[in-house]
Amino acid sequence: MRWVRVLAAVALAAVLTAGAATFLGMPPGVSSETIQLSVTRTPDLLKRAWSLPVARTFHQQVIWQSNASRCGPASVANTFRSIGEEETTEAAVLDDTGYCWTGFCLIGLTLDELADLTRLKTGRNVAVLRDLTADEFQEHMKRSNDPNRRYIINFNREGIFGAGSGHHSPIGGYLEEEDMVFVLDVNERYKPWLVERERLFKAMDTLDGDRKRGLLLIE
C-alpha cells in the first residue's frame, strides 16, 4: 500500500541522514573489472552503436542518476532530452508527481510506477510491455532504431554482471548483424554498454515482486 511505502521512505530518509547512504549504493561484489568483462565496449562497436539513429539523438551523452535509487527518473529525463521534451532533469521529471519526494525512490520504482510517472510529464503514448517472448523482444529491439520510438528497459543486473538488482536504462539501439543491444546505462560506474540480445532478454525476463520486468515504450 502507498502509505506503507511513505512510512518506509521516511524511515529510510532518517537512516540515510544518519550516514548510511551506502545502503542504496551498488551491491557488493560488482567490481569495475567485472563490469568491463561482462559487457562489450570495443571502440569500433561503440562508435557504430552511437551512430545508430536513436543513439545519435542522445549526442553521446548520458546524464547520470543522482543516487542509486533514481535510475528510473534519470532514464526518463535522458529519454525526454533525446525527443525534445521540456523535462530533461530528474528534478523536473519528479516535480509535482508525489514520487521519490524524500530524494530517494524507495527500493526503486517498478515498471508500472515509471510508466505512470512518465505519463504525468508527456502527452506521448506510453506503454508497458511485459511477458514478452524472446522473438517479440527481438522485434522490439529492431524497432528501437526507429527515431519515433524510445524504449527504457527494466532488467536485473545479476543476469548481466553476476550481482546487483533491478535497474532501468534507455535503449540506444540494436546492432542487428551482431545481435547486440546498446544500453545507455544511467549509472556512472557502468556507463553505456553493448550486450548480446539473448542475455539482455534473460535479465529482463525476471520477476520484480509478482510481475515480470519488461520495456517501457514512448512514442
C-alpha atoms as a PDB file:
ATOM      1  CA  MET A   1       0.000   0.000   0.000  1.00  0.00           C
ATOM      2  CA  ARG A   2       1.144   3.534  -0.742  1.00  0.00           C
ATOM      3  CA  TRP A   3       1.034   4.661   2.921  1.00  0.00           C
ATOM      4  CA  VAL A   4       3.329   1.820   3.870  1.00  0.00           C
ATOM      5  CA  ARG A   5       5.819   2.960   1.245  1.00  0.00           C
ATOM      6  CA  VAL A   6       5.562   6.537   2.544  1.00  0.00           C
ATOM      7  CA  LEU A   7       6.295   5.481   6.115  1.00  0.00           C
ATOM      8  CA  ALA A   8       9.157   3.333   4.943  1.00  0.00           C
ATOM      9  CA  ALA A   9      10.523   6.222   2.896  1.00  0.00           C
ATOM     10  CA  VAL A  10      10.528   8.450   5.963  1.00  0.00           C
ATOM     11  CA  ALA A  11      12.375   5.790   7.929  1.00  0.00           C
ATOM     12  CA  LEU A  12      14.859   5.313   5.110  1.00  0.00           C
ATOM     13  CA  ALA A  13      15.489   9.039   4.856  1.00  0.00           C
ATOM     14  CA  ALA A  14      16.320   9.089   8.546  1.00  0.00           C
ATOM     15  CA  VAL A  15      18.771   6.231   8.100  1.00  0.00           C
ATOM     16  CA  LEU A  16      20.430   7.969   5.172  1.00  0.00           C
ATOM     17  CA  THR A  17      20.670  11.203   7.100  1.00  0.00           C
ATOM     18  CA  ALA A  18      22.435   9.293   9.840  1.00  0.00           C
ATOM     19  CA  GLY A  19      25.181   8.422   7.363  1.00  0.00           C
ATOM     20  CA  ALA A  20      24.176   5.086   5.832  1.00  0.00           C
ATOM     21  CA  ALA A  21      23.848   6.237   2.241  1.00  0.00           C
ATOM     22  CA  THR A  22      25.734   3.206   1.052  1.00  0.00           C
ATOM     23  CA  PHE A  23      22.558   1.234   1.784  1.00  0.00           C
ATOM     24  CA  LEU A  24      21.350   2.357  -1.638  1.00  0.00           C
ATOM     25  CA  GLY A  25      24.717   2.038  -3.367  1.00  0.00           C
ATOM     26  CA  MET A  26      25.920  -0.589  -5.776  1.00  0.00           C
ATOM     27  CA  PRO A  27      25.514  -4.062  -4.279  1.00  0.00           C
ATOM     28  CA  PRO A  28      28.832  -5.521  -3.113  1.00  0.00           C
ATOM     29  CA  GLY A  29      30.626  -7.861  -5.450  1.00  0.00           C
ATOM     30  CA  VAL A  30      30.312  -5.915  -8.722  1.00  0.00           C
ATOM     31  CA  SER A  31      33.840  -4.698  -9.299  1.00  0.00           C
ATOM     32  CA  SER A  32      34.990  -2.428 -12.096  1.00  0.00           C
ATOM     33  CA  GLU A  33      36.801  -5.398 -13.617  1.00  0.00           C
ATOM     34  CA  THR A  34      33.619  -7.496 -13.556  1.00  0.00           C
ATOM     35  CA  ILE A  35      31.697  -4.703 -15.255  1.00  0.00           C
ATOM     36  CA  GLN A  36      34.299  -4.487 -18.007  1.00  0.00           C
ATOM     37  CA  LEU A  37      34.397  -8.245 -18.572  1.00  0.00           C
ATOM     38  CA  SER A  38      30.604  -8.709 -18.553  1.00  0.00           C
ATOM     39  CA  VAL A  39      29.718  -6.432 -21.461  1.00  0.00           C
ATOM     40  CA  THR A  40      31.192  -5.179 -24.730  1.00  0.00           C
ATOM     41  CA  ARG A  41      32.808  -1.779 -25.139  1.00  0.00           C
ATOM     42  CA  THR A  42      35.204  -2.227 -28.032  1.00  0.00           C
ATOM     43  CA  PRO A  43      35.838   1.173 -29.678  1.00  0.00           C
ATOM     44  CA  ASP A  44      34.645   0.089 -33.120  1.00  0.00           C
ATOM     45  CA  LEU A  45      31.339  -1.328 -31.891  1.00  0.00           C
ATOM     46  CA  LEU A  46      30.715   1.627 -29.566  1.00  0.00           C
ATOM     47  CA  LYS A  47      31.329   4.017 -32.450  1.00  0.00           C
ATOM     48  CA  ARG A  48      28.836   2.135 -34.578  1.00  0.00           C
ATOM     49  CA  ALA A  49      26.323   1.991 -31.710  1.00  0.00           C
ATOM     50  CA  TRP A  50      26.486   5.737 -31.101  1.00  0.00           C
ATOM     51  CA  SER A  51      25.842   6.205 -34.839  1.00  0.00           C
ATOM     52  CA  LEU A  52      22.510   4.368 -34.697  1.00  0.00           C
ATOM     53  CA  PRO A  53      19.505   6.635 -35.459  1.00  0.00           C
ATOM     54  CA  VAL A  54      18.141   6.755 -31.900  1.00  0.00           C
ATOM     55  CA  ALA A  55      21.511   6.762 -30.140  1.00  0.00           C
ATOM     56  CA  ARG A  56      22.523   9.838 -32.170  1.00  0.00           C
ATOM     57  CA  THR A  57      19.716  11.831 -30.539  1.00  0.00           C
ATOM     58  CA  PHE A  58      21.463  11.424 -27.161  1.00  0.00           C
ATOM     59  CA  HIS A  59      24.564  13.196 -28.577  1.00  0.00           C
ATOM     60  CA  GLN A  60      26.950  10.709 -26.936  1.00  0.00           C
ATOM     61  CA  GLN A  61      25.926  11.983 -23.525  1.00  0.00           C
ATOM     62  CA  VAL A  62      24.108  10.355 -20.635  1.00  0.00           C
ATOM     63  CA  ILE A  63      23.193  12.392 -17.560  1.00  0.00           C
ATOM     64  CA  TRP A  64      23.939  10.079 -14.643  1.00  0.00           C
ATOM     65  CA  GLN A  65      21.409   9.212 -11.963  1.00  0.00           C
ATOM     66  CA  SER A  66      21.905  11.284  -8.810  1.00  0.00           C
ATOM     67  CA  ASN A  67      21.698   8.324  -6.436  1.00  0.00           C
ATOM     68  CA  ALA A  68      21.343   4.564  -6.730  1.00  0.00           C
ATOM     69  CA  SER A  69      17.556   4.607  -6.346  1.00  0.00           C
ATOM     70  CA  ARG A  70      16.762   7.106  -9.115  1.00  0.00           C
ATOM     71  CA  CYS A  71      17.655   5.159 -12.261  1.00  0.00           C
ATOM     72  CA  GLY A  72      14.026   5.354 -13.405  1.00  0.00           C
ATOM     73  CA  PRO A  73      13.635   9.149 -13.316  1.00  0.00           C
ATOM     74  CA  ALA A  74      17.134   9.545 -14.779  1.00  0.00           C
ATOM     75  CA  SER A  75      16.188   7.229 -17.655  1.00  0.00           C
ATOM     76  CA  VAL A  76      13.044   9.238 -18.369  1.00  0.00           C
ATOM     77  CA  ALA A  77      14.963  12.535 -18.201  1.00  0.00           C
ATOM     78  CA  ASN A  78      17.584  11.315 -20.674  1.00  0.00           C
ATOM     79  CA  THR A  79      14.918   9.922 -22.978  1.00  0.00           C
ATOM     80  CA  PHE A  80      12.933  13.162 -22.850  1.00  0.00           C
ATOM     81  CA  ARG A  81      16.086  15.091 -23.752  1.00  0.00           C
ATOM     82  CA  SER A  82      16.506  12.899 -26.823  1.00  0.00           C
ATOM     83  CA  ILE A  83      12.998  13.612 -28.113  1.00  0.00           C
ATOM     84  CA  GLY A  84      12.768  17.303 -27.250  1.00  0.00           C
ATOM     85  CA  GLU A  85      10.527  17.241 -24.173  1.00  0.00           C
ATOM     86  CA  GLU A  86      10.975  20.029 -21.628  1.00  0.00           C
ATOM     87  CA  GLU A  87      11.591  17.914 -18.511  1.00  0.00           C
ATOM     88  CA  THR A  88      15.192  16.830 -19.058  1.00  0.00           C
ATOM     89  CA  THR A  89      16.424  16.540 -15.466  1.00  0.00           C
ATOM     90  CA  GLU A  90      15.487  14.155 -12.656  1.00  0.00           C
ATOM     91  CA  ALA A  91      14.116  17.065 -10.639  1.00  0.00           C
ATOM     92  CA  ALA A  92      11.874  18.244 -13.476  1.00  0.00           C
ATOM     93  CA  VAL A  93      10.628  14.730 -14.163  1.00  0.00           C
ATOM     94  CA  LEU A  94       9.749  14.195 -10.498  1.00  0.00           C
ATOM     95  CA  ASP A  95       8.382  17.670  -9.741  1.00  0.00           C
ATOM     96  CA  ASP A  96       4.747  17.638  -8.514  1.00  0.00           C
ATOM     97  CA  THR A  97       4.331  13.894  -9.089  1.00  0.00           C
ATOM     98  CA  GLY A  98       4.493  12.629  -5.490  1.00  0.00           C
ATOM     99  CA  TYR A  99       7.204  10.152  -6.440  1.00  0.00           C
ATOM    100  CA  CYS A 100      10.561   9.980  -4.635  1.00  0.00           C
ATOM    101  CA  TRP A 101       9.713  13.040  -2.553  1.00  0.00           C
ATOM    102  CA  THR A 102      12.333  12.215   0.091  1.00  0.00           C
ATOM    103  CA  GLY A 103      15.051  12.451  -2.545  1.00  0.00           C
ATOM    104  CA  PHE A 104      15.146   8.671  -2.842  1.00  0.00           C
ATOM    105  CA  CYS A 105      12.850   6.288  -4.695  1.00  0.00           C
ATOM    106  CA  LEU A 106      12.301   3.691  -2.004  1.00  0.00           C
ATOM    107  CA  ILE A 107      13.585   0.340  -3.328  1.00  0.00           C
ATOM    108  CA  GLY A 108      13.366   1.946  -6.767  1.00  0.00           C
ATOM    109  CA  LEU A 109      10.318   2.408  -8.993  1.00  0.00           C
ATOM    110  CA  THR A 110       8.531  -0.515 -10.571  1.00  0.00           C
ATOM    111  CA  LEU A 111       7.970  -0.541 -14.320  1.00  0.00           C
ATOM    112  CA  ASP A 112       4.321   0.433 -13.821  1.00  0.00           C
ATOM    113  CA  GLU A 113       5.249   3.290 -11.496  1.00  0.00           C
ATOM    114  CA  LEU A 114       7.773   4.558 -14.012  1.00  0.00           C
ATOM    115  CA  ALA A 115       5.100   4.434 -16.720  1.00  0.00           C
ATOM    116  CA  ASP A 116       2.721   6.423 -14.504  1.00  0.00           C
ATOM    117  CA  LEU A 117       5.434   8.980 -13.783  1.00  0.00           C
ATOM    118  CA  THR A 118       6.205   9.313 -17.495  1.00  0.00           C
ATOM    119  CA  ARG A 119       2.551   9.813 -18.423  1.00  0.00           C
ATOM    120  CA  LEU A 120       2.321  12.677 -15.926  1.00  0.00           C
ATOM    121  CA  LYS A 121       5.000  14.539 -17.859  1.00  0.00           C
ATOM    122  CA  THR A 122       4.250  13.879 -21.534  1.00  0.00           C
ATOM    123  CA  GLY A 123       1.355  13.753 -23.932  1.00  0.00           C
ATOM    124  CA  ARG A 124       3.032  10.993 -25.912  1.00  0.00           C
ATOM    125  CA  ASN A 125       1.797   7.431 -25.843  1.00  0.00           C
ATOM    126  CA  VAL A 126       3.427   5.441 -23.043  1.00  0.00           C
ATOM    127  CA  ALA A 127       3.053   1.659 -22.934  1.00  0.00           C
ATOM    128  CA  VAL A 128       4.313  -1.075 -20.633  1.00  0.00           C
ATOM    129  CA  LEU A 129       5.496  -4.183 -22.490  1.00  0.00           C
ATOM    130  CA  ARG A 130       5.976  -7.254 -20.331  1.00  0.00           C
ATOM    131  CA  ASP A 131       5.627 -11.038 -20.616  1.00  0.00           C
ATOM    132  CA  LEU A 132       7.371 -10.816 -23.986  1.00  0.00           C
ATOM    133  CA  THR A 133       8.709 -13.876 -25.756  1.00  0.00           C
ATOM    134  CA  ALA A 134      12.318 -13.881 -26.962  1.00  0.00           C
ATOM    135  CA  ASP A 135      11.097 -13.372 -30.541  1.00  0.00           C
ATOM    136  CA  GLU A 136       8.861 -10.460 -29.537  1.00  0.00           C
ATOM    137  CA  PHE A 137      11.756  -8.887 -27.677  1.00  0.00           C
ATOM    138  CA  GLN A 138      13.930  -9.161 -30.760  1.00  0.00           C
ATOM    139  CA  GLU A 139      11.286  -7.446 -32.883  1.00  0.00           C
ATOM    140  CA  HIS A 140      11.127  -4.574 -30.399  1.00  0.00           C
ATOM    141  CA  MET A 141      14.916  -4.288 -30.402  1.00  0.00           C
ATOM    142  CA  LYS A 142      14.851  -3.999 -34.188  1.00  0.00           C
ATOM    143  CA  ARG A 143      12.299  -1.220 -33.824  1.00  0.00           C
ATOM    144  CA  SER A 144      14.441   0.508 -31.205  1.00  0.00           C
ATOM    145  CA  ASN A 145      16.328   2.055 -34.152  1.00  0.00           C
ATOM    146  CA  ASP A 146      13.164   3.928 -35.188  1.00  0.00           C
ATOM    147  CA  PRO A 147      13.636   7.634 -34.273  1.00  0.00           C
ATOM    148  CA  ASN A 148       9.917   7.888 -33.495  1.00  0.00           C
ATOM    149  CA  ARG A 149      10.181   5.328 -30.682  1.00  0.00           C
ATOM    150  CA  ARG A 150      12.076   5.249 -27.400  1.00  0.00           C
ATOM    151  CA  TYR A 151      12.492   2.236 -25.121  1.00  0.00           C
ATOM    152  CA  ILE A 152      13.512   2.071 -21.477  1.00  0.00           C
ATOM    153  CA  ILE A 153      14.366  -1.400 -20.228  1.00  0.00           C
ATOM    154  CA  ASN A 154      13.838  -2.720 -16.708  1.00  0.00           C
ATOM    155  CA  PHE A 155      16.201  -5.618 -16.054  1.00  0.00           C
ATOM    156  CA  ASN A 156      18.019  -7.414 -13.252  1.00  0.00           C
ATOM    157  CA  ARG A 157      21.737  -6.600 -13.213  1.00  0.00           C
ATOM    158  CA  GLU A 158      22.535 -10.043 -11.830  1.00  0.00           C
ATOM    159  CA  GLY A 159      21.711 -11.559 -15.207  1.00  0.00           C
ATOM    160  CA  ILE A 160      24.417  -9.456 -16.871  1.00  0.00           C
ATOM    161  CA  PHE A 161      27.031  -8.819 -14.180  1.00  0.00           C
ATOM    162  CA  GLY A 162      26.524 -11.730 -11.773  1.00  0.00           C
ATOM    163  CA  ALA A 163      25.368  -9.452  -8.967  1.00  0.00           C
ATOM    164  CA  GLY A 164      23.080  -6.498  -8.436  1.00  0.00           C
ATOM    165  CA  SER A 165      19.341  -5.936  -8.585  1.00  0.00           C
ATOM    166  CA  GLY A 166      16.663  -4.239 -10.678  1.00  0.00           C
ATOM    167  CA  HIS A 167      17.626  -1.307 -12.878  1.00  0.00           C
ATOM    168  CA  HIS A 168      16.173   0.994 -15.557  1.00  0.00           C
ATOM    169  CA  SER A 169      18.072   2.445 -18.513  1.00  0.00           C
ATOM    170  CA  PRO A 170      17.249   3.713 -22.025  1.00  0.00           C
ATOM    171  CA  ILE A 171      17.902   1.572 -25.083  1.00  0.00           C
ATOM    172  CA  GLY A 172      20.123   3.337 -27.616  1.00  0.00           C
ATOM    173  CA  GLY A 173      19.517   0.865 -30.425  1.00  0.00           C
ATOM    174  CA  TYR A 174      20.269  -2.546 -31.873  1.00  0.00           C
ATOM    175  CA  LEU A 175      23.205  -3.789 -33.936  1.00  0.00           C
ATOM    176  CA  GLU A 176      21.305  -6.444 -35.847  1.00  0.00           C
ATOM    177  CA  GLU A 177      24.287  -8.060 -37.557  1.00  0.00           C
ATOM    178  CA  GLU A 178      25.988  -8.695 -34.199  1.00  0.00           C
ATOM    179  CA  ASP A 179      22.656  -9.284 -32.429  1.00  0.00           C
ATOM    180  CA  MET A 180      23.694  -6.842 -29.697  1.00  0.00           C
ATOM    181  CA  VAL A 181      21.674  -4.203 -27.826  1.00  0.00           C
ATOM    182  CA  PHE A 182      23.091  -0.797 -26.890  1.00  0.00           C
ATOM    183  CA  VAL A 183      22.113   0.048 -23.298  1.00  0.00           C
ATOM    184  CA  LEU A 184      22.590   3.676 -22.234  1.00  0.00           C
ATOM    185  CA  ASP A 185      23.212   2.857 -18.598  1.00  0.00           C
ATOM    186  CA  VAL A 186      22.433   5.858 -16.401  1.00  0.00           C
ATOM    187  CA  ASN A 187      24.743   4.658 -13.619  1.00  0.00           C
ATOM    188  CA  GLU A 188      28.104   6.395 -13.980  1.00  0.00           C
ATOM    189  CA  ARG A 189      30.063   3.338 -12.816  1.00  0.00           C
ATOM    190  CA  TYR A 190      28.632   1.189 -15.590  1.00  0.00           C
ATOM    191  CA  LYS A 191      28.330   3.729 -18.422  1.00  0.00           C
ATOM    192  CA  PRO A 192      26.783   2.724 -21.810  1.00  0.00           C
ATOM    193  CA  TRP A 193      27.492  -0.826 -22.963  1.00  0.00           C
ATOM    194  CA  LEU A 194      26.615  -3.439 -25.569  1.00  0.00           C
ATOM    195  CA  VAL A 195      25.376  -6.912 -24.744  1.00  0.00           C
ATOM    196  CA  GLU A 196      24.030  -9.913 -26.591  1.00  0.00           C
ATOM    197  CA  ARG A 197      20.280  -9.636 -27.083  1.00  0.00           C
ATOM    198  CA  GLU A 198      19.647 -13.082 -25.573  1.00  0.00           C
ATOM    199  CA  ARG A 199      21.478 -12.212 -22.351  1.00  0.00           C
ATOM    200  CA  LEU A 200      19.602  -8.923 -22.008  1.00  0.00           C
ATOM    201  CA  PHE A 201      16.293 -10.655 -22.623  1.00  0.00           C
ATOM    202  CA  LYS A 202      17.018 -13.175 -19.864  1.00  0.00           C
ATOM    203  CA  ALA A 203      17.951 -10.358 -17.477  1.00  0.00           C
ATOM    204  CA  MET A 204      14.679  -8.604 -18.314  1.00  0.00           C
ATOM    205  CA  ASP A 205      12.566 -11.766 -18.185  1.00  0.00           C
ATOM    206  CA  THR A 206      12.731 -11.843 -14.378  1.00  0.00           C
ATOM    207  CA  LEU A 207      10.337 -11.063 -11.567  1.00  0.00           C
ATOM    208  CA  ASP A 208      10.036  -7.756  -9.747  1.00  0.00           C
ATOM    209  CA  GLY A 209       7.728  -8.759  -6.915  1.00  0.00           C
ATOM    210  CA  ASP A 210       4.968 -10.782  -8.537  1.00  0.00           C
ATOM    211  CA  ARG A 211       5.225  -9.261 -12.028  1.00  0.00           C
ATOM    212  CA  LYS A 212       7.740  -9.596 -14.812  1.00  0.00           C
ATOM    213  CA  ARG A 213      10.119  -6.813 -15.707  1.00  0.00           C
ATOM    214  CA  GLY A 214       9.905  -5.505 -19.263  1.00  0.00           C
ATOM    215  CA  LEU A 215      10.076  -2.490 -21.537  1.00  0.00           C
ATOM    216  CA  LEU A 216       8.638   0.999 -21.373  1.00  0.00           C
ATOM    217  CA  LEU A 217       7.773   2.304 -24.836  1.00  0.00           C
ATOM    218  CA  ILE A 218       7.367   6.033 -25.518  1.00  0.00           C
ATOM    219  CA  GLU A 219       6.173   7.149 -28.946  1.00  0.00           C
END
